[in-house]
Amino acid sequence: MAVNPELVERKINLILQDLGELRKLARLDLSEYLADFRNEVLAERFLERIIGRVIDINYHLITEQTLSAPTDYHDSFTRLAKLDILTRNDADRFAKLAGLRNRLAHEYNGIDETIIHQAVKQAVKDLPAYIEAVKKYSSAQS
């Protein structure tokens, strides 16, 4: 089996589109962000879509290389480190997205708006490194 570079590129393009919208929200300070409840709704949805696509990419890369799926979303990031796609530090940092995705999707104990605001800023800062690592790996496999 082989990595499908078109699938990876399509998912990355969708992530980049949503990341562009997320950047607009990241520019808001906390008081501006909290002033309109729609900001949180948009942030949550963009984060959920981005994280879902990142996890889709993870599963694709892993199953194409190891034939066994990760045990959970968090494991999908740590397995990328084992495949030398991400550094261990990056994998640990990005694995936190898996927990955020679950909280957003299942609304565990409600969602603190300040945590979402911080997650938006962190995602905008961190995700370009994930995208670069995945692109590099995908192009090397094709």
C-alpha atoms as a PDB file:
ATOM      1  CA  MET A   1       0.000   0.000   0.000  1.00  0.00           C
ATOM      2  CA  ALA A   2       1.079   3.569  -0.560  1.00  0.00           C
ATOM      3  CA  VAL A   3       0.309   7.016   0.693  1.00  0.00           C
ATOM      4  CA  ASN A   4      -2.252   8.748  -1.497  1.00  0.00           C
ATOM      5  CA  PRO A   5      -0.754  12.220  -2.042  1.00  0.00           C
ATOM      6  CA  GLU A   6      -3.986  13.549  -3.598  1.00  0.00           C
ATOM      7  CA  LEU A   7      -5.972  12.612  -0.496  1.00  0.00           C
ATOM      8  CA  VAL A   8      -3.383  14.207   1.773  1.00  0.00           C
ATOM      9  CA  GLU A   9      -3.235  17.356  -0.357  1.00  0.00           C
ATOM     10  CA  ARG A  10      -7.049  17.649  -0.477  1.00  0.00           C
ATOM     11  CA  LYS A  11      -7.305  17.360   3.311  1.00  0.00           C
ATOM     12  CA  ILE A  12      -4.480  19.871   3.787  1.00  0.00           C
ATOM     13  CA  ASN A  13      -6.194  22.353   1.473  1.00  0.00           C
ATOM     14  CA  LEU A  14      -9.414  22.040   3.483  1.00  0.00           C
ATOM     15  CA  ILE A  15      -7.455  22.526   6.716  1.00  0.00           C
ATOM     16  CA  LEU A  16      -5.773  25.616   5.270  1.00  0.00           C
ATOM     17  CA  GLN A  17      -9.128  27.120   4.268  1.00  0.00           C
ATOM     18  CA  ASP A  18     -10.504  26.699   7.780  1.00  0.00           C
ATOM     19  CA  LEU A  19      -7.222  27.820   9.305  1.00  0.00           C
ATOM     20  CA  GLY A  20      -7.557  31.067   7.343  1.00  0.00           C
ATOM     21  CA  GLU A  21     -10.933  31.662   8.971  1.00  0.00           C
ATOM     22  CA  LEU A  22      -9.570  30.672  12.363  1.00  0.00           C
ATOM     23  CA  ARG A  23      -6.801  33.265  11.992  1.00  0.00           C
ATOM     24  CA  LYS A  24      -9.466  35.987  11.928  1.00  0.00           C
ATOM     25  CA  LEU A  25     -10.729  34.774  15.296  1.00  0.00           C
ATOM     26  CA  ALA A  26      -7.197  34.437  16.652  1.00  0.00           C
ATOM     27  CA  ARG A  27      -6.650  38.151  16.072  1.00  0.00           C
ATOM     28  CA  LEU A  28      -9.378  38.995  18.579  1.00  0.00           C
ATOM     29  CA  ASP A  29      -8.367  39.563  22.161  1.00  0.00           C
ATOM     30  CA  LEU A  30     -10.378  37.688  24.759  1.00  0.00           C
ATOM     31  CA  SER A  31     -12.848  40.501  25.455  1.00  0.00           C
ATOM     32  CA  GLU A  32     -13.567  40.995  21.732  1.00  0.00           C
ATOM     33  CA  TYR A  33     -13.918  37.250  21.284  1.00  0.00           C
ATOM     34  CA  LEU A  34     -16.349  36.913  24.194  1.00  0.00           C
ATOM     35  CA  ALA A  35     -18.388  39.952  23.112  1.00  0.00           C
ATOM     36  CA  ASP A  36     -20.136  37.925  20.382  1.00  0.00           C
ATOM     37  CA  PHE A  37     -21.246  34.350  21.108  1.00  0.00           C
ATOM     38  CA  ARG A  38     -20.967  33.566  17.388  1.00  0.00           C
ATOM     39  CA  ASN A  39     -17.189  33.751  17.679  1.00  0.00           C
ATOM     40  CA  GLU A  40     -17.174  30.738  19.968  1.00  0.00           C
ATOM     41  CA  VAL A  41     -19.550  28.802  17.723  1.00  0.00           C
ATOM     42  CA  LEU A  42     -17.378  29.513  14.693  1.00  0.00           C
ATOM     43  CA  ALA A  43     -14.181  28.718  16.572  1.00  0.00           C
ATOM     44  CA  GLU A  44     -15.535  25.419  17.854  1.00  0.00           C
ATOM     45  CA  ARG A  45     -16.745  24.342  14.427  1.00  0.00           C
ATOM     46  CA  PHE A  46     -13.549  25.326  12.625  1.00  0.00           C
ATOM     47  CA  LEU A  47     -11.448  23.572  15.264  1.00  0.00           C
ATOM     48  CA  GLU A  48     -13.577  20.450  15.088  1.00  0.00           C
ATOM     49  CA  ARG A  49     -13.321  20.322  11.290  1.00  0.00           C
ATOM     50  CA  ILE A  50      -9.574  20.969  11.292  1.00  0.00           C
ATOM     51  CA  ILE A  51      -8.852  18.401  13.981  1.00  0.00           C
ATOM     52  CA  GLY A  52     -11.055  15.829  12.248  1.00  0.00           C
ATOM     53  CA  ARG A  53      -9.144  16.292   9.010  1.00  0.00           C
ATOM     54  CA  VAL A  54      -5.798  16.127  10.789  1.00  0.00           C
ATOM     55  CA  ILE A  55      -6.845  12.841  12.375  1.00  0.00           C
ATOM     56  CA  ASP A  56      -8.020  11.552   8.973  1.00  0.00           C
ATOM     57  CA  ILE A  57      -4.561  12.299   7.579  1.00  0.00           C
ATOM     58  CA  ASN A  58      -2.918  10.611  10.556  1.00  0.00           C
ATOM     59  CA  TYR A  59      -4.946   7.435  10.094  1.00  0.00           C
ATOM     60  CA  HIS A  60      -4.237   7.376   6.361  1.00  0.00           C
ATOM     61  CA  LEU A  61      -0.483   7.767   6.794  1.00  0.00           C
ATOM     62  CA  ILE A  62      -0.329   5.203   9.571  1.00  0.00           C
ATOM     63  CA  THR A  63      -2.488   2.525   7.999  1.00  0.00           C
ATOM     64  CA  GLU A  64      -0.671   2.843   4.692  1.00  0.00           C
ATOM     65  CA  GLN A  65       2.651   2.251   6.457  1.00  0.00           C
ATOM     66  CA  THR A  66       1.864  -0.149   9.288  1.00  0.00           C
ATOM     67  CA  LEU A  67      -1.410  -1.829   8.259  1.00  0.00           C
ATOM     68  CA  SER A  68      -2.777  -1.454  11.786  1.00  0.00           C
ATOM     69  CA  ALA A  69      -4.936   1.456  12.815  1.00  0.00           C
ATOM     70  CA  PRO A  70      -4.102   3.525  15.890  1.00  0.00           C
ATOM     71  CA  THR A  71      -5.947   2.578  19.053  1.00  0.00           C
ATOM     72  CA  ASP A  72      -7.437   6.075  19.382  1.00  0.00           C
ATOM     73  CA  TYR A  73      -7.053   9.626  18.113  1.00  0.00           C
ATOM     74  CA  HIS A  74      -4.315  10.444  20.626  1.00  0.00           C
ATOM     75  CA  ASP A  75      -2.379   7.366  19.497  1.00  0.00           C
ATOM     76  CA  SER A  76      -2.588   8.581  15.909  1.00  0.00           C
ATOM     77  CA  PHE A  77      -0.257  11.436  16.801  1.00  0.00           C
ATOM     78  CA  THR A  78       2.201   9.355  18.812  1.00  0.00           C
ATOM     79  CA  ARG A  79       2.372   6.831  15.968  1.00  0.00           C
ATOM     80  CA  LEU A  80       3.401   9.647  13.600  1.00  0.00           C
ATOM     81  CA  ALA A  81       6.413  10.194  15.860  1.00  0.00           C
ATOM     82  CA  LYS A  82       7.260   6.490  15.665  1.00  0.00           C
ATOM     83  CA  LEU A  83       7.161   6.769  11.868  1.00  0.00           C
ATOM     84  CA  ASP A  84       9.450   9.863  12.074  1.00  0.00           C
ATOM     85  CA  ILE A  85       6.790  12.059  10.496  1.00  0.00           C
ATOM     86  CA  LEU A  86       6.639  14.270  13.583  1.00  0.00           C
ATOM     87  CA  THR A  87       9.124  14.838  16.353  1.00  0.00           C
ATOM     88  CA  ARG A  88       8.147  13.402  19.724  1.00  0.00           C
ATOM     89  CA  ASN A  89       7.589  16.900  21.119  1.00  0.00           C
ATOM     90  CA  ASP A  90       5.380  17.888  18.189  1.00  0.00           C
ATOM     91  CA  ALA A  91       3.431  14.634  18.441  1.00  0.00           C
ATOM     92  CA  ASP A  92       2.798  15.235  22.140  1.00  0.00           C
ATOM     93  CA  ARG A  93       1.733  18.817  21.489  1.00  0.00           C
ATOM     94  CA  PHE A  94      -0.588  17.878  18.626  1.00  0.00           C
ATOM     95  CA  ALA A  95      -2.031  14.919  20.551  1.00  0.00           C
ATOM     96  CA  LYS A  96      -3.732  17.472  22.792  1.00  0.00           C
ATOM     97  CA  LEU A  97      -5.888  18.280  19.775  1.00  0.00           C
ATOM     98  CA  ALA A  98      -7.412  14.816  20.040  1.00  0.00           C
ATOM     99  CA  GLY A  99      -8.699  15.594  23.521  1.00  0.00           C
ATOM    100  CA  LEU A 100     -10.035  18.938  22.379  1.00  0.00           C
ATOM    101  CA  ARG A 101     -11.788  17.277  19.454  1.00  0.00           C
ATOM    102  CA  ASN A 102     -13.541  14.871  21.807  1.00  0.00           C
ATOM    103  CA  ARG A 103     -14.595  17.688  24.122  1.00  0.00           C
ATOM    104  CA  LEU A 104     -15.985  19.665  21.198  1.00  0.00           C
ATOM    105  CA  ALA A 105     -17.754  16.737  19.585  1.00  0.00           C
ATOM    106  CA  HIS A 106     -19.269  15.369  22.776  1.00  0.00           C
ATOM    107  CA  GLU A 107     -19.574  18.595  24.781  1.00  0.00           C
ATOM    108  CA  TYR A 108     -18.028  17.043  27.880  1.00  0.00           C
ATOM    109  CA  ASN A 109     -18.817  19.154  30.942  1.00  0.00           C
ATOM    110  CA  GLY A 110     -19.534  22.186  28.795  1.00  0.00           C
ATOM    111  CA  ILE A 111     -16.876  24.158  27.020  1.00  0.00           C
ATOM    112  CA  ASP A 112     -15.005  27.046  28.613  1.00  0.00           C
ATOM    113  CA  GLU A 113     -14.886  29.916  26.115  1.00  0.00           C
ATOM    114  CA  THR A 114     -11.468  31.016  27.332  1.00  0.00           C
ATOM    115  CA  ILE A 115     -10.037  27.549  26.618  1.00  0.00           C
ATOM    116  CA  ILE A 116     -11.450  27.644  23.098  1.00  0.00           C
ATOM    117  CA  HIS A 117     -10.026  31.123  22.558  1.00  0.00           C
ATOM    118  CA  GLN A 118      -6.593  29.888  23.648  1.00  0.00           C
ATOM    119  CA  ALA A 119      -6.950  26.749  21.485  1.00  0.00           C
ATOM    120  CA  VAL A 120      -7.665  28.937  18.452  1.00  0.00           C
ATOM    121  CA  LYS A 121      -4.480  30.912  19.029  1.00  0.00           C
ATOM    122  CA  GLN A 122      -2.482  27.729  19.621  1.00  0.00           C
ATOM    123  CA  ALA A 123      -3.862  25.994  16.522  1.00  0.00           C
ATOM    124  CA  VAL A 124      -3.028  28.956  14.300  1.00  0.00           C
ATOM    125  CA  LYS A 125       0.499  28.968  15.702  1.00  0.00           C
ATOM    126  CA  ASP A 126       1.135  25.202  15.702  1.00  0.00           C
ATOM    127  CA  LEU A 127      -0.687  23.681  12.742  1.00  0.00           C
ATOM    128  CA  PRO A 128       1.634  25.003  10.028  1.00  0.00           C
ATOM    129  CA  ALA A 129       4.390  22.772  11.460  1.00  0.00           C
ATOM    130  CA  TYR A 130       2.085  19.738  11.264  1.00  0.00           C
ATOM    131  CA  ILE A 131       1.154  20.584   7.670  1.00  0.00           C
ATOM    132  CA  GLU A 132       4.797  20.982   6.642  1.00  0.00           C
ATOM    133  CA  ALA A 133       5.798  17.674   8.232  1.00  0.00           C
ATOM    134  CA  VAL A 134       2.940  15.824   6.540  1.00  0.00           C
ATOM    135  CA  LYS A 135       3.634  17.415   3.151  1.00  0.00           C
ATOM    136  CA  LYS A 136       7.306  16.515   3.408  1.00  0.00           C
ATOM    137  CA  TYR A 137       6.530  12.920   4.319  1.00  0.00           C
ATOM    138  CA  SER A 138       3.805  12.551   1.691  1.00  0.00           C
ATOM    139  CA  SER A 139       5.967  13.895  -1.108  1.00  0.00           C
ATOM    140  CA  ALA A 140       8.830  11.596  -0.086  1.00  0.00           C
ATOM    141  CA  GLN A 141       6.478   8.606  -0.293  1.00  0.00           C
ATOM    142  CA  SER A 142       5.208   9.372  -3.801  1.00  0.00           C
END
